[in-house]
Amino acid sequence: MGTGRTLRKESHVRPCKTPAGKARKGKAQRARLVKFGMKEDDVKTMGDEEVRVLVQRPAVVKKLVAKRGA
């Protein structure tokens, strides 16, 4: 195994993100929010960044769902 410059420069070795991979990940995250109890229509209207933030904090999602249900 070599120890040259190309192996030390991570950006050249690491694969690029593809649009298909991003879409697959976004779809999985939206499905996860629906499983947490959010309405599917609400999740569809959200942006990608908002979905990412909510998936990281399931407790916040459960509070939102409880507040809307009451």
N, C-alpha and C. Protein backbone atom coordinates (compact mmCIF):
# COMPACT_ATOMS: atom_id res chain seq x y z
N MET A 1 0.85 -1.18 0.00
CA MET A 1 0.00 0.00 0.00
C MET A 1 0.88 1.23 0.00
N GLY A 2 0.54 2.20 -0.80
CA GLY A 2 1.33 3.40 -0.90
C GLY A 2 1.03 4.39 0.21
N THR A 3 1.95 5.31 0.41
CA THR A 3 1.74 6.37 1.41
C THR A 3 1.95 7.73 0.77
N GLY A 4 1.66 7.80 -0.52
CA GLY A 4 1.93 9.03 -1.27
C GLY A 4 0.93 10.14 -0.99
N ARG A 5 1.12 11.22 -1.71
CA ARG A 5 0.34 12.44 -1.50
C ARG A 5 -1.14 12.23 -1.79
N THR A 6 -1.45 11.40 -2.78
CA THR A 6 -2.86 11.22 -3.15
C THR A 6 -3.66 10.57 -2.03
N LEU A 7 -3.03 9.75 -1.23
CA LEU A 7 -3.76 9.10 -0.14
C LEU A 7 -3.90 10.01 1.07
N ARG A 8 -3.08 11.03 1.18
CA ARG A 8 -3.19 11.97 2.31
C ARG A 8 -4.21 13.07 2.02
N LYS A 9 -4.47 13.34 0.75
CA LYS A 9 -5.41 14.40 0.38
C LYS A 9 -6.80 13.79 0.28
N GLU A 10 -7.55 13.97 1.35
CA GLU A 10 -8.82 13.27 1.49
C GLU A 10 -9.84 13.65 0.41
N SER A 11 -9.86 14.90 -0.01
CA SER A 11 -10.87 15.32 -0.97
C SER A 11 -10.73 14.63 -2.32
N HIS A 12 -9.54 14.16 -2.64
CA HIS A 12 -9.35 13.47 -3.90
C HIS A 12 -9.73 12.01 -3.81
N VAL A 13 -9.75 11.46 -2.62
CA VAL A 13 -10.03 10.05 -2.45
C VAL A 13 -11.52 9.83 -2.16
N ARG A 14 -12.12 10.78 -1.49
CA ARG A 14 -13.49 10.63 -1.03
C ARG A 14 -14.47 10.77 -2.21
N PRO A 15 -15.49 9.92 -2.29
CA PRO A 15 -16.43 10.02 -3.42
C PRO A 15 -17.32 11.26 -3.30
N CYS A 16 -17.73 11.78 -4.43
CA CYS A 16 -18.61 12.96 -4.47
C CYS A 16 -20.04 12.54 -4.17
N LYS A 17 -20.83 13.47 -3.60
CA LYS A 17 -22.24 13.21 -3.38
C LYS A 17 -22.96 13.29 -4.72
N THR A 18 -23.82 12.34 -4.97
CA THR A 18 -24.58 12.34 -6.21
C THR A 18 -25.99 12.84 -5.93
N PRO A 19 -26.65 13.40 -6.91
CA PRO A 19 -28.04 13.82 -6.72
C PRO A 19 -28.96 12.66 -6.34
N ALA A 20 -28.70 11.50 -6.89
CA ALA A 20 -29.53 10.33 -6.56
C ALA A 20 -29.35 9.94 -5.10
N GLY A 21 -28.13 10.00 -4.60
CA GLY A 21 -27.87 9.68 -3.20
C GLY A 21 -28.53 10.68 -2.26
N LYS A 22 -28.47 11.96 -2.63
CA LYS A 22 -29.12 12.99 -1.82
C LYS A 22 -30.62 12.79 -1.79
N ALA A 23 -31.21 12.48 -2.93
CA ALA A 23 -32.66 12.27 -3.00
C ALA A 23 -33.07 11.06 -2.18
N ARG A 24 -32.26 9.99 -2.25
CA ARG A 24 -32.56 8.77 -1.48
C ARG A 24 -32.52 9.06 0.02
N LYS A 25 -31.53 9.81 0.44
CA LYS A 25 -31.40 10.15 1.86
C LYS A 25 -32.55 11.06 2.31
N GLY A 26 -32.91 12.03 1.47
CA GLY A 26 -34.02 12.92 1.80
C GLY A 26 -35.34 12.17 1.92
N LYS A 27 -35.56 11.22 1.03
CA LYS A 27 -36.78 10.42 1.06
C LYS A 27 -36.85 9.59 2.34
N ALA A 28 -35.73 9.02 2.73
CA ALA A 28 -35.69 8.22 3.96
C ALA A 28 -35.94 9.10 5.19
N GLN A 29 -35.39 10.32 5.19
CA GLN A 29 -35.59 11.21 6.33
C GLN A 29 -37.04 11.66 6.41
N ARG A 30 -37.68 11.92 5.28
CA ARG A 30 -39.09 12.31 5.29
C ARG A 30 -39.96 11.16 5.79
N ALA A 31 -39.63 9.94 5.39
CA ALA A 31 -40.39 8.78 5.87
C ALA A 31 -40.21 8.62 7.38
N ARG A 32 -39.04 8.93 7.89
CA ARG A 32 -38.79 8.84 9.33
C ARG A 32 -39.65 9.84 10.09
N LEU A 33 -39.81 11.05 9.54
CA LEU A 33 -40.66 12.05 10.19
C LEU A 33 -42.11 11.60 10.22
N VAL A 34 -42.56 10.95 9.15
CA VAL A 34 -43.93 10.44 9.12
C VAL A 34 -44.10 9.35 10.18
N LYS A 35 -43.10 8.54 10.37
CA LYS A 35 -43.15 7.51 11.42
C LYS A 35 -43.18 8.12 12.81
N PHE A 36 -42.57 9.28 12.97
CA PHE A 36 -42.61 9.97 14.26
C PHE A 36 -44.00 10.49 14.58
N GLY A 37 -44.86 10.60 13.55
CA GLY A 37 -46.22 11.03 13.79
C GLY A 37 -46.64 12.29 13.07
N MET A 38 -45.78 12.86 12.26
CA MET A 38 -46.15 14.07 11.51
C MET A 38 -47.03 13.68 10.33
N LYS A 39 -47.86 14.63 9.89
CA LYS A 39 -48.71 14.37 8.74
C LYS A 39 -47.86 14.39 7.47
N GLU A 40 -48.20 13.50 6.56
CA GLU A 40 -47.41 13.36 5.33
C GLU A 40 -47.48 14.64 4.48
N ASP A 41 -48.63 15.30 4.47
CA ASP A 41 -48.77 16.54 3.69
C ASP A 41 -47.85 17.64 4.23
N ASP A 42 -47.74 17.72 5.57
CA ASP A 42 -46.86 18.71 6.19
C ASP A 42 -45.40 18.45 5.85
N VAL A 43 -45.04 17.18 5.84
CA VAL A 43 -43.65 16.81 5.56
C VAL A 43 -43.30 17.11 4.10
N LYS A 44 -44.26 16.92 3.20
CA LYS A 44 -44.00 17.17 1.77
C LYS A 44 -43.72 18.64 1.50
N THR A 45 -44.37 19.53 2.26
CA THR A 45 -44.19 20.96 2.01
C THR A 45 -42.91 21.53 2.63
N MET A 46 -42.26 20.77 3.49
CA MET A 46 -41.03 21.25 4.15
C MET A 46 -39.85 21.23 3.19
N GLY A 47 -38.88 22.07 3.47
CA GLY A 47 -37.63 22.07 2.71
C GLY A 47 -36.68 21.01 3.24
N ASP A 48 -35.65 20.74 2.47
CA ASP A 48 -34.70 19.69 2.84
C ASP A 48 -33.99 19.99 4.16
N GLU A 49 -33.60 21.24 4.33
CA GLU A 49 -32.85 21.60 5.54
C GLU A 49 -33.71 21.47 6.79
N GLU A 50 -34.97 21.87 6.69
CA GLU A 50 -35.87 21.76 7.83
C GLU A 50 -36.10 20.30 8.21
N VAL A 51 -36.21 19.45 7.20
CA VAL A 51 -36.38 18.01 7.45
C VAL A 51 -35.16 17.46 8.17
N ARG A 52 -33.96 17.86 7.70
CA ARG A 52 -32.72 17.40 8.33
C ARG A 52 -32.65 17.78 9.80
N VAL A 53 -33.03 19.02 10.11
CA VAL A 53 -32.97 19.50 11.50
C VAL A 53 -33.94 18.72 12.38
N LEU A 54 -35.15 18.48 11.88
CA LEU A 54 -36.16 17.78 12.68
C LEU A 54 -35.81 16.31 12.90
N VAL A 55 -35.21 15.69 11.91
CA VAL A 55 -34.83 14.28 12.06
C VAL A 55 -33.78 14.12 13.16
N GLN A 56 -32.94 15.13 13.33
CA GLN A 56 -31.90 15.06 14.35
C GLN A 56 -32.47 15.19 15.75
N ARG A 57 -33.69 15.74 15.89
CA ARG A 57 -34.28 15.98 17.21
C ARG A 57 -35.67 15.37 17.29
N PRO A 58 -35.78 14.06 17.51
CA PRO A 58 -37.09 13.41 17.57
C PRO A 58 -37.96 13.89 18.72
N ALA A 59 -37.37 14.34 19.81
CA ALA A 59 -38.17 14.82 20.94
C ALA A 59 -38.93 16.09 20.55
N VAL A 60 -38.31 16.95 19.76
CA VAL A 60 -38.97 18.17 19.30
C VAL A 60 -40.14 17.81 18.38
N VAL A 61 -39.96 16.81 17.53
CA VAL A 61 -41.02 16.38 16.61
C VAL A 61 -42.20 15.85 17.41
N LYS A 62 -41.94 15.05 18.42
CA LYS A 62 -43.03 14.50 19.23
C LYS A 62 -43.79 15.60 19.96
N LYS A 63 -43.10 16.65 20.41
CA LYS A 63 -43.77 17.78 21.04
C LYS A 63 -44.65 18.52 20.04
N LEU A 64 -44.14 18.71 18.82
CA LEU A 64 -44.94 19.37 17.78
C LEU A 64 -46.21 18.59 17.45
N VAL A 65 -46.06 17.28 17.35
CA VAL A 65 -47.21 16.43 17.03
C VAL A 65 -48.22 16.47 18.16
N ALA A 66 -47.75 16.43 19.40
CA ALA A 66 -48.65 16.47 20.56
C ALA A 66 -49.38 17.80 20.63
N LYS A 67 -48.68 18.89 20.32
CA LYS A 67 -49.28 20.22 20.37
C LYS A 67 -50.36 20.37 19.31
N ARG A 68 -50.11 19.84 18.11
CA ARG A 68 -51.09 19.93 17.02
C ARG A 68 -52.29 19.03 17.29
N GLY A 69 -52.06 17.91 17.96
CA GLY A 69 -53.14 16.97 18.24
C GLY A 69 -54.07 17.47 19.33
N ALA A 70 -53.56 18.33 20.23
CA ALA A 70 -54.37 18.79 21.35
C ALA A 70 -55.25 19.97 21.00
